[in-house]
PDB file of N, CA and C in Angstrom:
ATOM      1  N   MET A   1     111.415 113.574 102.821  1.00  0.00           N
ATOM      2  CA  MET A   1     110.672 113.866 101.618  1.00  0.00           C
ATOM      3  C   MET A   1     111.017 112.841 100.557  1.00  0.00           C
ATOM      4  N   THR A   2     110.111 112.682  99.619  1.00  0.00           N
ATOM      5  CA  THR A   2     110.320 111.711  98.560  1.00  0.00           C
ATOM      6  C   THR A   2     110.054 112.341  97.208  1.00  0.00           C
ATOM      7  N   THR A   3     110.705 111.833  96.194  1.00  0.00           N
ATOM      8  CA  THR A   3     110.443 112.297  94.840  1.00  0.00           C
ATOM      9  C   THR A   3     109.473 111.315  94.205  1.00  0.00           C
ATOM     10  N   LEU A   4     108.377 111.822  93.702  1.00  0.00           N
ATOM     11  CA  LEU A   4     107.373 110.978  93.063  1.00  0.00           C
ATOM     12  C   LEU A   4     107.157 111.464  91.645  1.00  0.00           C
ATOM     13  N   LYS A   5     106.773 110.569  90.792  1.00  0.00           N
ATOM     14  CA  LYS A   5     106.418 110.976  89.442  1.00  0.00           C
ATOM     15  C   LYS A   5     105.193 111.877  89.540  1.00  0.00           C
ATOM     16  N   PRO A   6     105.155 112.964  88.793  1.00  0.00           N
ATOM     17  CA  PRO A   6     103.992 113.851  88.848  1.00  0.00           C
ATOM     18  C   PRO A   6     102.681 113.108  88.581  1.00  0.00           C
ATOM     19  N   ALA A   7     102.699 112.140  87.669  1.00  0.00           N
ATOM     20  CA  ALA A   7     101.475 111.403  87.351  1.00  0.00           C
ATOM     21  C   ALA A   7     100.982 110.613  88.555  1.00  0.00           C
ATOM     22  N   THR A   8     101.918 110.185  89.422  1.00  0.00           N
ATOM     23  CA  THR A   8     101.529 109.403  90.588  1.00  0.00           C
ATOM     24  C   THR A   8     100.624 110.219  91.511  1.00  0.00           C
ATOM     25  N   LEU A   9     101.026 111.427  91.816  1.00  0.00           N
ATOM     26  CA  LEU A   9     100.209 112.282  92.666  1.00  0.00           C
ATOM     27  C   LEU A   9      98.883 112.617  91.978  1.00  0.00           C
ATOM     28  N   LYS A  10      98.951 112.871  90.688  1.00  0.00           N
ATOM     29  CA  LYS A  10      97.725 113.168  89.934  1.00  0.00           C
ATOM     30  C   LYS A  10      96.795 111.945  89.942  1.00  0.00           C
ATOM     31  N   ASP A  11      97.373 110.742  89.811  1.00  0.00           N
ATOM     32  CA  ASP A  11      96.563 109.512  89.841  1.00  0.00           C
ATOM     33  C   ASP A  11      95.836 109.364  91.169  1.00  0.00           C
ATOM     34  N   VAL A  12      96.555 109.654  92.251  1.00  0.00           N
ATOM     35  CA  VAL A  12      95.934 109.570  93.581  1.00  0.00           C
ATOM     36  C   VAL A  12      94.801 110.594  93.679  1.00  0.00           C
ATOM     37  N   ARG A  13      95.039 111.788  93.171  1.00  0.00           N
ATOM     38  CA  ARG A  13      93.996 112.831  93.198  1.00  0.00           C
ATOM     39  C   ARG A  13      92.776 112.389  92.398  1.00  0.00           C
ATOM     40  N   TRP A  14      93.012 111.810  91.224  1.00  0.00           N
ATOM     41  CA  TRP A  14      91.884 111.348  90.398  1.00  0.00           C
ATOM     42  C   TRP A  14      91.132 110.221  91.101  1.00  0.00           C
ATOM     43  N   LYS A  15      91.874 109.323  91.743  1.00  0.00           N
ATOM     44  CA  LYS A  15      91.228 108.217  92.460  1.00  0.00           C
ATOM     45  C   LYS A  15      90.350 108.741  93.595  1.00  0.00           C
ATOM     46  N   LEU A  16      90.809 109.811  94.235  1.00  0.00           N
ATOM     47  CA  LEU A  16      90.016 110.428  95.302  1.00  0.00           C
ATOM     48  C   LEU A  16      88.808 111.184  94.742  1.00  0.00           C
ATOM     49  N   GLY A  17      88.936 111.649  93.512  1.00  0.00           N
ATOM     50  CA  GLY A  17      87.878 112.463  92.937  1.00  0.00           C
ATOM     51  C   GLY A  17      87.897 113.887  93.461  1.00  0.00           C
ATOM     52  N   TRP A  18      89.068 114.343  93.902  1.00  0.00           N
ATOM     53  CA  TRP A  18      89.202 115.670  94.482  1.00  0.00           C
ATOM     54  C   TRP A  18      89.841 116.629  93.486  1.00  0.00           C
ATOM     55  N   THR A  19      89.587 117.900  93.685  1.00  0.00           N
ATOM     56  CA  THR A  19      90.224 118.941  92.891  1.00  0.00           C
ATOM     57  C   THR A  19      91.538 119.319  93.556  1.00  0.00           C
ATOM     58  N   PRO A  20      92.444 119.964  92.812  1.00  0.00           N
ATOM     59  CA  PRO A  20      93.680 120.438  93.459  1.00  0.00           C
ATOM     60  C   PRO A  20      93.373 121.380  94.626  1.00  0.00           C
ATOM     61  N   GLU A  21      92.328 122.200  94.483  1.00  0.00           N
ATOM     62  CA  GLU A  21      91.946 123.114  95.559  1.00  0.00           C
ATOM     63  C   GLU A  21      91.548 122.353  96.820  1.00  0.00           C
ATOM     64  N   HIS A  22      90.800 121.271  96.635  1.00  0.00           N
ATOM     65  CA  HIS A  22      90.346 120.466  97.773  1.00  0.00           C
ATOM     66  C   HIS A  22      91.545 119.854  98.507  1.00  0.00           C
ATOM     67  N   ILE A  23      92.470 119.287  97.746  1.00  0.00           N
ATOM     68  CA  ILE A  23      93.643 118.663  98.369  1.00  0.00           C
ATOM     69  C   ILE A  23      94.495 119.708  99.085  1.00  0.00           C
ATOM     70  N   ALA A  24      94.701 120.865  98.432  1.00  0.00           N
ATOM     71  CA  ALA A  24      95.508 121.922  99.062  1.00  0.00           C
ATOM     72  C   ALA A  24      94.878 122.357 100.379  1.00  0.00           C
ATOM     73  N   LYS A  25      93.566 122.514 100.376  1.00  0.00           N
ATOM     74  CA  LYS A  25      92.873 122.915 101.604  1.00  0.00           C
ATOM     75  C   LYS A  25      92.970 121.808 102.654  1.00  0.00           C
ATOM     76  N   TYR A  26      92.776 120.542 102.230  1.00  0.00           N
ATOM     77  CA  TYR A  26      92.824 119.408 103.156  1.00  0.00           C
ATOM     78  C   TYR A  26      94.193 119.311 103.824  1.00  0.00           C
ATOM     79  N   LEU A  27      95.266 119.498 103.029  1.00  0.00           N
ATOM     80  CA  LEU A  27      96.629 119.396 103.573  1.00  0.00           C
ATOM     81  C   LEU A  27      97.118 120.709 104.176  1.00  0.00           C
ATOM     82  N   ASP A  28      96.291 121.733 104.104  1.00  0.00           N
ATOM     83  CA  ASP A  28      96.615 123.045 104.651  1.00  0.00           C
ATOM     84  C   ASP A  28      97.893 123.617 104.030  1.00  0.00           C
ATOM     85  N   VAL A  29      97.929 123.565 102.686  1.00  0.00           N
ATOM     86  CA  VAL A  29      99.045 124.159 101.952  1.00  0.00           C
ATOM     87  C   VAL A  29      98.488 125.119 100.906  1.00  0.00           C
ATOM     88  N   ASN A  30      99.338 125.974 100.418  1.00  0.00           N
ATOM     89  CA  ASN A  30      98.971 126.909  99.365  1.00  0.00           C
ATOM     90  C   ASN A  30      98.701 126.122  98.082  1.00  0.00           C
ATOM     91  N   LEU A  31      97.755 126.566  97.282  1.00  0.00           N
ATOM     92  CA  LEU A  31      97.413 125.895  96.028  1.00  0.00           C
ATOM     93  C   LEU A  31      98.631 125.821  95.103  1.00  0.00           C
ATOM     94  N   GLN A  32      99.448 126.863  95.092  1.00  0.00           N
ATOM     95  CA  GLN A  32     100.654 126.859  94.247  1.00  0.00           C
ATOM     96  C   GLN A  32     101.624 125.755  94.696  1.00  0.00           C
ATOM     97  N   THR A  33     101.691 125.528  95.993  1.00  0.00           N
ATOM     98  CA  THR A  33     102.547 124.453  96.515  1.00  0.00           C
ATOM     99  C   THR A  33     102.066 123.118  95.974  1.00  0.00           C
ATOM    100  N   TYR A  34     100.744 122.905  96.022  1.00  0.00           N
ATOM    101  CA  TYR A  34     100.217 121.642  95.499  1.00  0.00           C
ATOM    102  C   TYR A  34     100.556 121.479  94.014  1.00  0.00           C
ATOM    103  N   TYR A  35     100.360 122.533  93.233  1.00  0.00           N
ATOM    104  CA  TYR A  35     100.664 122.445  91.801  1.00  0.00           C
ATOM    105  C   TYR A  35     102.144 122.155  91.558  1.00  0.00           C
ATOM    106  N   ARG A  36     103.047 122.700  92.380  1.00  0.00           N
ATOM    107  CA  ARG A  36     104.478 122.387  92.238  1.00  0.00           C
ATOM    108  C   ARG A  36     104.724 120.907  92.517  1.00  0.00           C
ATOM    109  N   TRP A  37     104.014 120.337  93.495  1.00  0.00           N
ATOM    110  CA  TRP A  37     104.133 118.899  93.772  1.00  0.00           C
ATOM    111  C   TRP A  37     103.651 118.097  92.572  1.00  0.00           C
ATOM    112  N   GLU A  38     102.470 118.437  92.077  1.00  0.00           N
ATOM    113  CA  GLU A  38     101.872 117.663  90.997  1.00  0.00           C
ATOM    114  C   GLU A  38     102.687 117.785  89.706  1.00  0.00           C
ATOM    115  N   ASP A  39     103.283 118.948  89.467  1.00  0.00           N
ATOM    116  CA  ASP A  39     104.094 119.157  88.260  1.00  0.00           C
ATOM    117  C   ASP A  39     105.509 118.601  88.405  1.00  0.00           C
ATOM    118  N   GLY A  40     105.857 118.148  89.605  1.00  0.00           N
ATOM    119  CA  GLY A  40     107.187 117.591  89.835  1.00  0.00           C
ATOM    120  C   GLY A  40     108.257 118.640  90.044  1.00  0.00           C
ATOM    121  N   LYS A  41     107.878 119.888  90.245  1.00  0.00           N
ATOM    122  CA  LYS A  41     108.850 120.969  90.451  1.00  0.00           C
ATOM    123  C   LYS A  41     109.321 121.036  91.899  1.00  0.00           C
ATOM    124  N   SER A  42     108.578 120.410  92.777  1.00  0.00           N
ATOM    125  CA  SER A  42     108.907 120.399  94.197  1.00  0.00           C
ATOM    126  C   SER A  42     108.529 119.024  94.751  1.00  0.00           C
ATOM    127  N   ARG A  43     109.161 118.653  95.836  1.00  0.00           N
ATOM    128  CA  ARG A  43     108.881 117.347  96.450  1.00  0.00           C
ATOM    129  C   ARG A  43     107.727 117.454  97.440  1.00  0.00           C
ATOM    130  N   ILE A  44     106.837 116.482  97.372  1.00  0.00           N
ATOM    131  CA  ILE A  44     105.756 116.404  98.354  1.00  0.00           C
ATOM    132  C   ILE A  44     106.302 115.674  99.583  1.00  0.00           C
ATOM    133  N   PRO A  45     106.035 116.140 100.784  1.00  0.00           N
ATOM    134  CA  PRO A  45     106.464 115.391 101.982  1.00  0.00           C
ATOM    135  C   PRO A  45     105.820 114.001 101.997  1.00  0.00           C
ATOM    136  N   LEU A  46     106.616 113.006 102.325  1.00  0.00           N
ATOM    137  CA  LEU A  46     106.130 111.630 102.315  1.00  0.00           C
ATOM    138  C   LEU A  46     104.874 111.437 103.180  1.00  0.00           C
ATOM    139  N   PRO A  47     104.811 112.002 104.414  1.00  0.00           N
ATOM    140  CA  PRO A  47     103.590 111.817 105.208  1.00  0.00           C
ATOM    141  C   PRO A  47     102.332 112.358 104.507  1.00  0.00           C
ATOM    142  N   ALA A  48     102.481 113.467 103.804  1.00  0.00           N
ATOM    143  CA  ALA A  48     101.324 114.028 103.091  1.00  0.00           C
ATOM    144  C   ALA A  48     100.904 113.104 101.968  1.00  0.00           C
ATOM    145  N   TYR A  49     101.883 112.566 101.245  1.00  0.00           N
ATOM    146  CA  TYR A  49     101.558 111.643 100.148  1.00  0.00           C
ATOM    147  C   TYR A  49     100.925 110.363 100.682  1.00  0.00           C
ATOM    148  N   ARG A  50     101.490 109.806 101.761  1.00  0.00           N
ATOM    149  CA  ARG A  50     100.934 108.572 102.336  1.00  0.00           C
ATOM    150  C   ARG A  50      99.493 108.790 102.810  1.00  0.00           C
ATOM    151  N   LEU A  51      99.218 109.950 103.392  1.00  0.00           N
ATOM    152  CA  LEU A  51      97.863 110.265 103.824  1.00  0.00           C
ATOM    153  C   LEU A  51      96.900 110.261 102.636  1.00  0.00           C
ATOM    154  N   LEU A  52      97.318 110.883 101.541  1.00  0.00           N
ATOM    155  CA  LEU A  52      96.462 110.892 100.349  1.00  0.00           C
ATOM    156  C   LEU A  52      96.264 109.477  99.810  1.00  0.00           C
ATOM    157  N   GLU A  53      97.324 108.668  99.850  1.00  0.00           N
ATOM    158  CA  GLU A  53      97.202 107.271  99.411  1.00  0.00           C
ATOM    159  C   GLU A  53      96.180 106.515 100.266  1.00  0.00           C
ATOM    160  N   LEU A  54      96.261 106.705 101.583  1.00  0.00           N
ATOM    161  CA  LEU A  54      95.324 106.030 102.479  1.00  0.00           C
ATOM    162  C   LEU A  54      93.894 106.454 102.190  1.00  0.00           C
ATOM    163  N   LEU A  55      93.707 107.749 101.999  1.00  0.00           N
ATOM    164  CA  LEU A  55      92.365 108.256 101.705  1.00  0.00           C
ATOM    165  C   LEU A  55      91.843 107.698 100.386  1.00  0.00           C
ATOM    166  N   ALA A  56      92.745 107.443  99.448  1.00  0.00           N
ATOM    167  CA  ALA A  56      92.354 106.932  98.133  1.00  0.00           C
ATOM    168  C   ALA A  56      92.155 105.426  98.144  1.00  0.00           C
ATOM    169  N   GLY A  57      92.396 104.772  99.286  1.00  0.00           N
ATOM    170  CA  GLY A  57      92.191 103.326  99.377  1.00  0.00           C
ATOM    171  C   GLY A  57      93.349 102.514  98.850  1.00  0.00           C
ATOM    172  N   CYS A  58      94.544 103.088  98.818  1.00  0.00           N
ATOM    173  CA  CYS A  58      95.714 102.362  98.345  1.00  0.00           C
ATOM    174  C   CYS A  58      96.122 101.294  99.368  1.00  0.00           C
ATOM    175  N   ASP A  59      96.910 100.364  98.901  1.00  0.00           N
ATOM    176  CA  ASP A  59      97.376  99.247  99.717  1.00  0.00           C
ATOM    177  C   ASP A  59      98.185  99.748 100.914  1.00  0.00           C
ATOM    178  N   LEU A  60      97.825  99.279 102.122  1.00  0.00           N
ATOM    179  CA  LEU A  60      98.557  99.676 103.331  1.00  0.00           C
ATOM    180  C   LEU A  60      99.965  99.092 103.368  1.00  0.00           C
ATOM    181  N   GLY A  61     100.250  98.133 102.483  1.00  0.00           N
ATOM    182  CA  GLY A  61     101.597  97.578 102.383  1.00  0.00           C
ATOM    183  C   GLY A  61     102.615  98.620 101.973  1.00  0.00           C
ATOM    184  N   ASN A  62     102.155  99.752 101.420  1.00  0.00           N
ATOM    185  CA  ASN A  62     103.074 100.844 101.097  1.00  0.00           C
ATOM    186  C   ASN A  62     103.651 101.462 102.359  1.00  0.00           C
ATOM    187  N   ILE A  63     102.944 101.312 103.470  1.00  0.00           N
ATOM    188  CA  ILE A  63     103.407 101.872 104.741  1.00  0.00           C
ATOM    189  C   ILE A  63     104.273 100.860 105.488  1.00  0.00           C
ATOM    190  N   HIS A  64     103.799  99.595 105.513  1.00  0.00           N
ATOM    191  CA  HIS A  64     104.572  98.527 106.158  1.00  0.00           C
ATOM    192  C   HIS A  64     104.212  97.215 105.475  1.00  0.00           C
ATOM    193  N   PRO A  65     105.204  96.384 105.146  1.00  0.00           N
ATOM    194  CA  PRO A  65     104.939  95.131 104.429  1.00  0.00           C
ATOM    195  C   PRO A  65     103.957  94.193 105.128  1.00  0.00           C
ATOM    196  N   ALA A  66     103.878  94.257 106.445  1.00  0.00           N
ATOM    197  CA  ALA A  66     102.957  93.375 107.173  1.00  0.00           C
ATOM    198  C   ALA A  66     101.497  93.656 106.820  1.00  0.00           C
ATOM    199  N   TRP A  67     101.218  94.856 106.316  1.00  0.00           N
ATOM    200  CA  TRP A  67      99.845  95.242 105.969  1.00  0.00           C
ATOM    201  C   TRP A  67      99.560  95.071 104.487  1.00  0.00           C
ATOM    202  N   SER A  68     100.406  94.374 103.781  1.00  0.00           N
ATOM    203  CA  SER A  68     100.234  94.196 102.338  1.00  0.00           C
ATOM    204  C   SER A  68      98.868  93.584 102.032  1.00  0.00           C
ATOM    205  N   GLY A  69      98.152  94.194 101.103  1.00  0.00           N
ATOM    206  CA  GLY A  69      96.833  93.717 100.708  1.00  0.00           C
ATOM    207  C   GLY A  69      95.693  94.379 101.465  1.00  0.00           C
ATOM    208  N   TRP A  70      95.973  95.012 102.590  1.00  0.00           N
ATOM    209  CA  TRP A  70      94.956  95.698 103.380  1.00  0.00           C
ATOM    210  C   TRP A  70      94.756  97.101 102.823  1.00  0.00           C
ATOM    211  N   SER A  71      93.548  97.641 102.983  1.00  0.00           N
ATOM    212  CA  SER A  71      93.293  99.022 102.551  1.00  0.00           C
ATOM    213  C   SER A  71      92.222  99.646 103.437  1.00  0.00           C
ATOM    214  N   ILE A  72      92.112 100.967 103.332  1.00  0.00           N
ATOM    215  CA  ILE A  72      91.074 101.708 104.043  1.00  0.00           C
ATOM    216  C   ILE A  72      90.154 102.287 102.980  1.00  0.00           C
ATOM    217  N   GLY A  73      88.876 101.987 103.085  1.00  0.00           N
ATOM    218  CA  GLY A  73      87.912 102.465 102.106  1.00  0.00           C
ATOM    219  C   GLY A  73      87.500 103.907 102.343  1.00  0.00           C
ATOM    220  N   HIS A  74      86.771 104.460 101.376  1.00  0.00           N
ATOM    221  CA  HIS A  74      86.280 105.835 101.495  1.00  0.00           C
ATOM    222  C   HIS A  74      85.365 105.991 102.710  1.00  0.00           C
ATOM    223  N   ASN A  75      84.756 104.889 103.140  1.00  0.00           N
ATOM    224  CA  ASN A  75      83.852 104.930 104.286  1.00  0.00           C
ATOM    225  C   ASN A  75      84.593 104.825 105.614  1.00  0.00           C
ATOM    226  N   GLY A  76      85.915 104.741 105.561  1.00  0.00           N
ATOM    227  CA  GLY A  76      86.714 104.661 106.781  1.00  0.00           C
ATOM    228  C   GLY A  76      86.870 103.251 107.318  1.00  0.00           C
ATOM    229  N   GLU A  77      86.335 102.259 106.606  1.00  0.00           N
ATOM    230  CA  GLU A  77      86.445 100.875 107.062  1.00  0.00           C
ATOM    231  C   GLU A  77      87.761 100.254 106.600  1.00  0.00           C
ATOM    232  N   LEU A  78      88.262  99.332 107.411  1.00  0.00           N
ATOM    233  CA  LEU A  78      89.489  98.613 107.126  1.00  0.00           C
ATOM    234  C   LEU A  78      89.133  97.350 106.347  1.00  0.00           C
ATOM    235  N   TYR A  79      89.782  97.147 105.206  1.00  0.00           N
ATOM    236  CA  TYR A  79      89.500  96.000 104.351  1.00  0.00           C
ATOM    237  C   TYR A  79      90.680  95.038 104.342  1.00  0.00           C
ATOM    238  N   PRO A  80      90.491  93.828 104.917  1.00  0.00           N
ATOM    239  CA  PRO A  80      91.543  92.814 104.840  1.00  0.00           C
ATOM    240  C   PRO A  80      91.666  92.309 103.398  1.00  0.00           C
ATOM    241  N   PRO A  81      92.779  91.636 103.066  1.00  0.00           N
ATOM    242  CA  PRO A  81      92.941  91.118 101.709  1.00  0.00           C
ATOM    243  C   PRO A  81      91.795  90.182 101.321  1.00  0.00           C
ATOM    244  N   ALA A  82      91.353  90.308 100.088  1.00  0.00           N
ATOM    245  CA  ALA A  82      90.334  89.439  99.480  1.00  0.00           C
ATOM    246  C   ALA A  82      88.990  89.473 100.200  1.00  0.00           C
ATOM    247  N   MET A  83      88.703  90.520 100.957  1.00  0.00           N
ATOM    248  CA  MET A  83      87.398  90.629 101.600  1.00  0.00           C
ATOM    249  C   MET A  83      86.628  91.791 100.992  1.00  0.00           C
ATOM    250  N   VAL A  84      85.360  91.557 100.740  1.00  0.00           N
ATOM    251  CA  VAL A  84      84.519  92.575 100.136  1.00  0.00           C
ATOM    252  C   VAL A  84      83.976  93.515 101.202  1.00  0.00           C
ATOM    253  N   ARG A  85      83.712  92.985 102.379  1.00  0.00           N
ATOM    254  CA  ARG A  85      83.141  93.777 103.460  1.00  0.00           C
ATOM    255  C   ARG A  85      84.242  94.252 104.393  1.00  0.00           C
ATOM    256  N   GLY A  86      84.229  95.541 104.689  1.00  0.00           N
ATOM    257  CA  GLY A  86      85.232  96.103 105.576  1.00  0.00           C
ATOM    258  C   GLY A  86      84.828  96.004 107.035  1.00  0.00           C
ATOM    259  N   MET A  87      85.765  96.388 107.901  1.00  0.00           N
ATOM    260  CA  MET A  87      85.510  96.381 109.339  1.00  0.00           C
ATOM    261  C   MET A  87      85.503  97.817 109.844  1.00  0.00           C
ATOM    262  N   THR A  88      84.483  98.152 110.623  1.00  0.00           N
ATOM    263  CA  THR A  88      84.398  99.477 111.226  1.00  0.00           C
ATOM    264  C   THR A  88      85.389  99.543 112.392  1.00  0.00           C
ATOM    265  N   PRO A  89      85.711 100.745 112.864  1.00  0.00           N
ATOM    266  CA  PRO A  89      86.599 100.836 114.035  1.00  0.00           C
ATOM    267  C   PRO A  89      86.063 100.050 115.236  1.00  0.00           C
ATOM    268  N   GLY A  90      84.749 100.040 115.427  1.00  0.00           N
ATOM    269  CA  GLY A  90      84.161  99.277 116.529  1.00  0.00           C
ATOM    270  C   GLY A  90      84.390  97.787 116.388  1.00  0.00           C
ATOM    271  N   MET A  91      84.303  97.293 115.150  1.00  0.00           N
ATOM    272  CA  MET A  91      84.544  95.866 114.909  1.00  0.00           C
ATOM    273  C   MET A  91      86.001  95.518 115.182  1.00  0.00           C
ATOM    274  N   VAL A  92      86.902  96.390 114.779  1.00  0.00           N
ATOM    275  CA  VAL A  92      88.321  96.149 115.016  1.00  0.00           C
ATOM    276  C   VAL A  92      88.603  96.162 116.515  1.00  0.00           C
ATOM    277  N   ALA A  93      87.995  97.100 117.232  1.00  0.00           N
ATOM    278  CA  ALA A  93      88.201  97.193 118.682  1.00  0.00           C
ATOM    279  C   ALA A  93      87.650  95.973 119.410  1.00  0.00           C
ATOM    280  N   ALA A  94      86.578  95.364 118.887  1.00  0.00           N
ATOM    281  CA  ALA A  94      85.957  94.206 119.535  1.00  0.00           C
ATOM    282  C   ALA A  94      86.699  92.907 119.242  1.00  0.00           C
ATOM    283  N   ARG A  95      87.613  92.907 118.263  1.00  0.00           N
ATOM    284  CA  ARG A  95      88.328  91.690 117.874  1.00  0.00           C
ATOM    285  C   ARG A  95      88.986  90.969 119.047  1.00  0.00           C
ATOM    286  N   PRO A  96      89.765  91.656 119.893  1.00  0.00           N
ATOM    287  CA  PRO A  96      90.407  90.940 121.006  1.00  0.00           C
ATOM    288  C   PRO A  96      89.395  90.273 121.925  1.00  0.00           C
ATOM    289  N   TRP A  97      88.255  90.911 122.145  1.00  0.00           N
ATOM    290  CA  TRP A  97      87.222  90.317 122.994  1.00  0.00           C
ATOM    291  C   TRP A  97      86.687  89.049 122.343  1.00  0.00           C
ATOM    292  N   HIS A  98      86.444  89.068 121.033  1.00  0.00           N
ATOM    293  CA  HIS A  98      85.954  87.870 120.329  1.00  0.00           C
ATOM    294  C   HIS A  98      86.972  86.737 120.414  1.00  0.00           C
ATOM    295  N   VAL A  99      88.234  87.051 120.235  1.00  0.00           N
ATOM    296  CA  VAL A  99      89.285  86.035 120.312  1.00  0.00           C
ATOM    297  C   VAL A  99      89.325  85.431 121.714  1.00  0.00           C
ATOM    298  N   GLN A 100      89.176  86.277 122.731  1.00  0.00           N
ATOM    299  CA  GLN A 100      89.180  85.805 124.114  1.00  0.00           C
ATOM    300  C   GLN A 100      87.982  84.877 124.375  1.00  0.00           C
ATOM    301  N   GLN A 101      86.814  85.238 123.858  1.00  0.00           N
ATOM    302  CA  GLN A 101      85.617  84.415 124.046  1.00  0.00           C
ATOM    303  C   GLN A 101      85.755  83.066 123.344  1.00  0.00           C
ATOM    304  N   ILE A 102      86.319  83.049 122.160  1.00  0.00           N
ATOM    305  CA  ILE A 102      86.528  81.793 121.424  1.00  0.00           C
ATOM    306  C   ILE A 102      87.499  80.905 122.180  1.00  0.00           C
ATOM    307  N   ALA A 103      88.569  81.467 122.703  1.00  0.00           N
ATOM    308  CA  ALA A 103      89.548  80.689 123.475  1.00  0.00           C
ATOM    309  C   ALA A 103      88.895  80.096 124.719  1.00  0.00           C
ATOM    310  N   ALA A 104      88.043  80.852 125.394  1.00  0.00           N
ATOM    311  CA  ALA A 104      87.354  80.355 126.588  1.00  0.00           C
ATOM    312  C   ALA A 104      86.406  79.209 126.223  1.00  0.00           C
ATOM    313  N   LEU A 105      85.713  79.345 125.102  1.00  0.00           N
ATOM    314  CA  LEU A 105      84.793  78.276 124.675  1.00  0.00           C
ATOM    315  C   LEU A 105      85.556  77.007 124.295  1.00  0.00           C
ATOM    316  N   LYS A 106      86.686  77.155 123.622  1.00  0.00           N
ATOM    317  CA  LYS A 106      87.496  75.984 123.270  1.00  0.00           C
ATOM    318  C   LYS A 106      87.997  75.271 124.524  1.00  0.00           C
ATOM    319  N   ALA A 107      88.429  76.044 125.518  1.00  0.00           N
ATOM    320  CA  ALA A 107      88.900  75.448 126.775  1.00  0.00           C
ATOM    321  C   ALA A 107      87.764  74.700 127.467  1.00  0.00           C
ATOM    322  N   ARG A 108      86.579  75.269 127.443  1.00  0.00           N
ATOM    323  CA  ARG A 108      85.419  74.606 128.068  1.00  0.00           C
ATOM    324  C   ARG A 108      85.080  73.312 127.339  1.00  0.00           C
ATOM    325  N   ILE A 109      85.140  73.311 126.023  1.00  0.00           N
ATOM    326  CA  ILE A 109      84.858  72.100 125.242  1.00  0.00           C
ATOM    327  C   ILE A 109      85.885  71.021 125.570  1.00  0.00           C
ATOM    328  N   ARG A 110      87.174  71.390 125.635  1.00  0.00           N
ATOM    329  CA  ARG A 110      88.214  70.405 125.987  1.00  0.00           C
ATOM    330  C   ARG A 110      87.970  69.821 127.375  1.00  0.00           C
ATOM    331  N   ARG A 111      87.572  70.679 128.325  1.00  0.00           N
ATOM    332  CA  ARG A 111      87.307  70.212 129.684  1.00  0.00           C
ATOM    333  C   ARG A 111      86.132  69.240 129.700  1.00  0.00           C
ATOM    334  N   ILE A 112      85.069  69.562 128.998  1.00  0.00           N
ATOM    335  CA  ILE A 112      83.889  68.697 128.959  1.00  0.00           C
ATOM    336  C   ILE A 112      84.231  67.373 128.291  1.00  0.00           C
ATOM    337  N   GLU A 113      85.007  67.415 127.218  1.00  0.00           N
ATOM    338  CA  GLU A 113      85.369  66.176 126.510  1.00  0.00           C
ATOM    339  C   GLU A 113      86.292  65.295 127.342  1.00  0.00           C
ATOM    340  N   SER A 114      87.063  65.873 128.236  1.00  0.00           N
ATOM    341  CA  SER A 114      87.996  65.079 129.043  1.00  0.00           C
ATOM    342  C   SER A 114      87.340  64.485 130.291  1.00  0.00           C
ATOM    343  N   GLU A 115      86.179  64.993 130.682  1.00  0.00           N
ATOM    344  CA  GLU A 115      85.486  64.461 131.854  1.00  0.00           C
ATOM    345  C   GLU A 115      84.852  63.117 131.520  1.00  0.00           C
ATOM    346  N   PRO A 116      84.789  62.216 132.550  1.00  0.00           N
ATOM    347  CA  PRO A 116      84.107  60.942 132.298  1.00  0.00           C
ATOM    348  C   PRO A 116      82.645  61.210 131.932  1.00  0.00           C
ATOM    349  N   ARG A 117      82.188  60.424 131.017  1.00  0.00           N
ATOM    350  CA  ARG A 117      80.830  60.637 130.534  1.00  0.00           C
ATOM    351  C   ARG A 117      79.823  60.113 131.555  1.00  0.00           C
ATOM    352  N   GLN A 118      78.826  60.935 131.805  1.00  0.00           N
ATOM    353  CA  GLN A 118      77.747  60.545 132.705  1.00  0.00           C
ATOM    354  C   GLN A 118      76.639  59.897 131.863  1.00  0.00           C
ATOM    355  N   PHE A 119      76.282  58.691 132.239  1.00  0.00           N
ATOM    356  CA  PHE A 119      75.240  58.003 131.490  1.00  0.00           C
ATOM    357  C   PHE A 119      73.891  58.266 132.114  1.00  0.00           C
ATOM    358  N   SER A 120      72.914  58.326 131.292  1.00  0.00           N
ATOM    359  CA  SER A 120      71.544  58.471 131.780  1.00  0.00           C
ATOM    360  C   SER A 120      70.757  57.256 131.342  1.00  0.00           C
ATOM    361  N   MET A 121      69.528  57.167 131.805  1.00  0.00           N
ATOM    362  CA  MET A 121      68.700  56.019 131.452  1.00  0.00           C
ATOM    363  C   MET A 121      68.419  55.986 129.949  1.00  0.00           C
ATOM    364  N   PHE A 122      68.571  57.079 129.291  1.00  0.00           N
ATOM    365  CA  PHE A 122      68.313  57.115 127.850  1.00  0.00           C
ATOM    366  C   PHE A 122      69.475  56.554 127.040  1.00  0.00           C
ATOM    367  N   ASP A 123      70.642  56.421 127.679  1.00  0.00           N
ATOM    368  CA  ASP A 123      71.807  55.892 126.988  1.00  0.00           C
ATOM    369  C   ASP A 123      71.819  54.364 126.965  1.00  0.00           C
ATOM    370  N   LYS A 124      71.015  53.721 127.843  1.00  0.00           N
ATOM    371  CA  LYS A 124      71.004  52.248 127.917  1.00  0.00           C
ATOM    372  C   LYS A 124      70.278  51.675 126.715  1.00  0.00           C
ATOM    373  N   LYS A 125      70.822  50.553 126.266  1.00  0.00           N
ATOM    374  CA  LYS A 125      70.164  49.875 125.146  1.00  0.00           C
ATOM    375  C   LYS A 125      68.910  49.187 125.650  1.00  0.00           C
ATOM    376  N   VAL A 126      67.880  49.286 124.880  1.00  0.00           N
ATOM    377  CA  VAL A 126      66.625  48.626 125.246  1.00  0.00           C
ATOM    378  C   VAL A 126      66.639  47.247 124.589  1.00  0.00           C
ATOM    379  N   SER A 127      66.486  46.229 125.417  1.00  0.00           N
ATOM    380  CA  SER A 127      66.490  44.881 124.839  1.00  0.00           C
ATOM    381  C   SER A 127      65.100  44.576 124.268  1.00  0.00           C
ATOM    382  N   THR A 128      65.134  43.891 123.192  1.00  0.00           N
ATOM    383  CA  THR A 128      63.849  43.537 122.552  1.00  0.00           C
ATOM    384  C   THR A 128      63.465  42.139 122.978  1.00  0.00           C
ATOM    385  N   LEU A 129      62.227  41.877 123.070  1.00  0.00           N
ATOM    386  CA  LEU A 129      61.737  40.569 123.479  1.00  0.00           C
ATOM    387  C   LEU A 129      61.600  39.634 122.342  1.00  0.00           C
TER     388      LEU A 129
END
């Protein structure tokens, strides 16, 4: 568990646009429990707070430094740093396939460039009279 400033939890709630009732229901806790968290009278479990942060689009670097600058939008898309357009789960899942295809194309280009060039009749210079 972690101790958070009461305003911090309230800020996350405001960013989500949710009521205390909505959050209590979402986290499956009693409304009084939520109010004790928000008032600072009781500690909110860290996993519950991190979940609310993620839902509010907070920086994923709060979970692990390697994800600093990344966030999850209200639409469920993953947003890399400095990008306006997010990635859907399908786009994220397709990433390894795209990387594999690019690597295969680069290998093919290197192979073609290393082969002796085949000349055609169009490559010959035409002499002028």
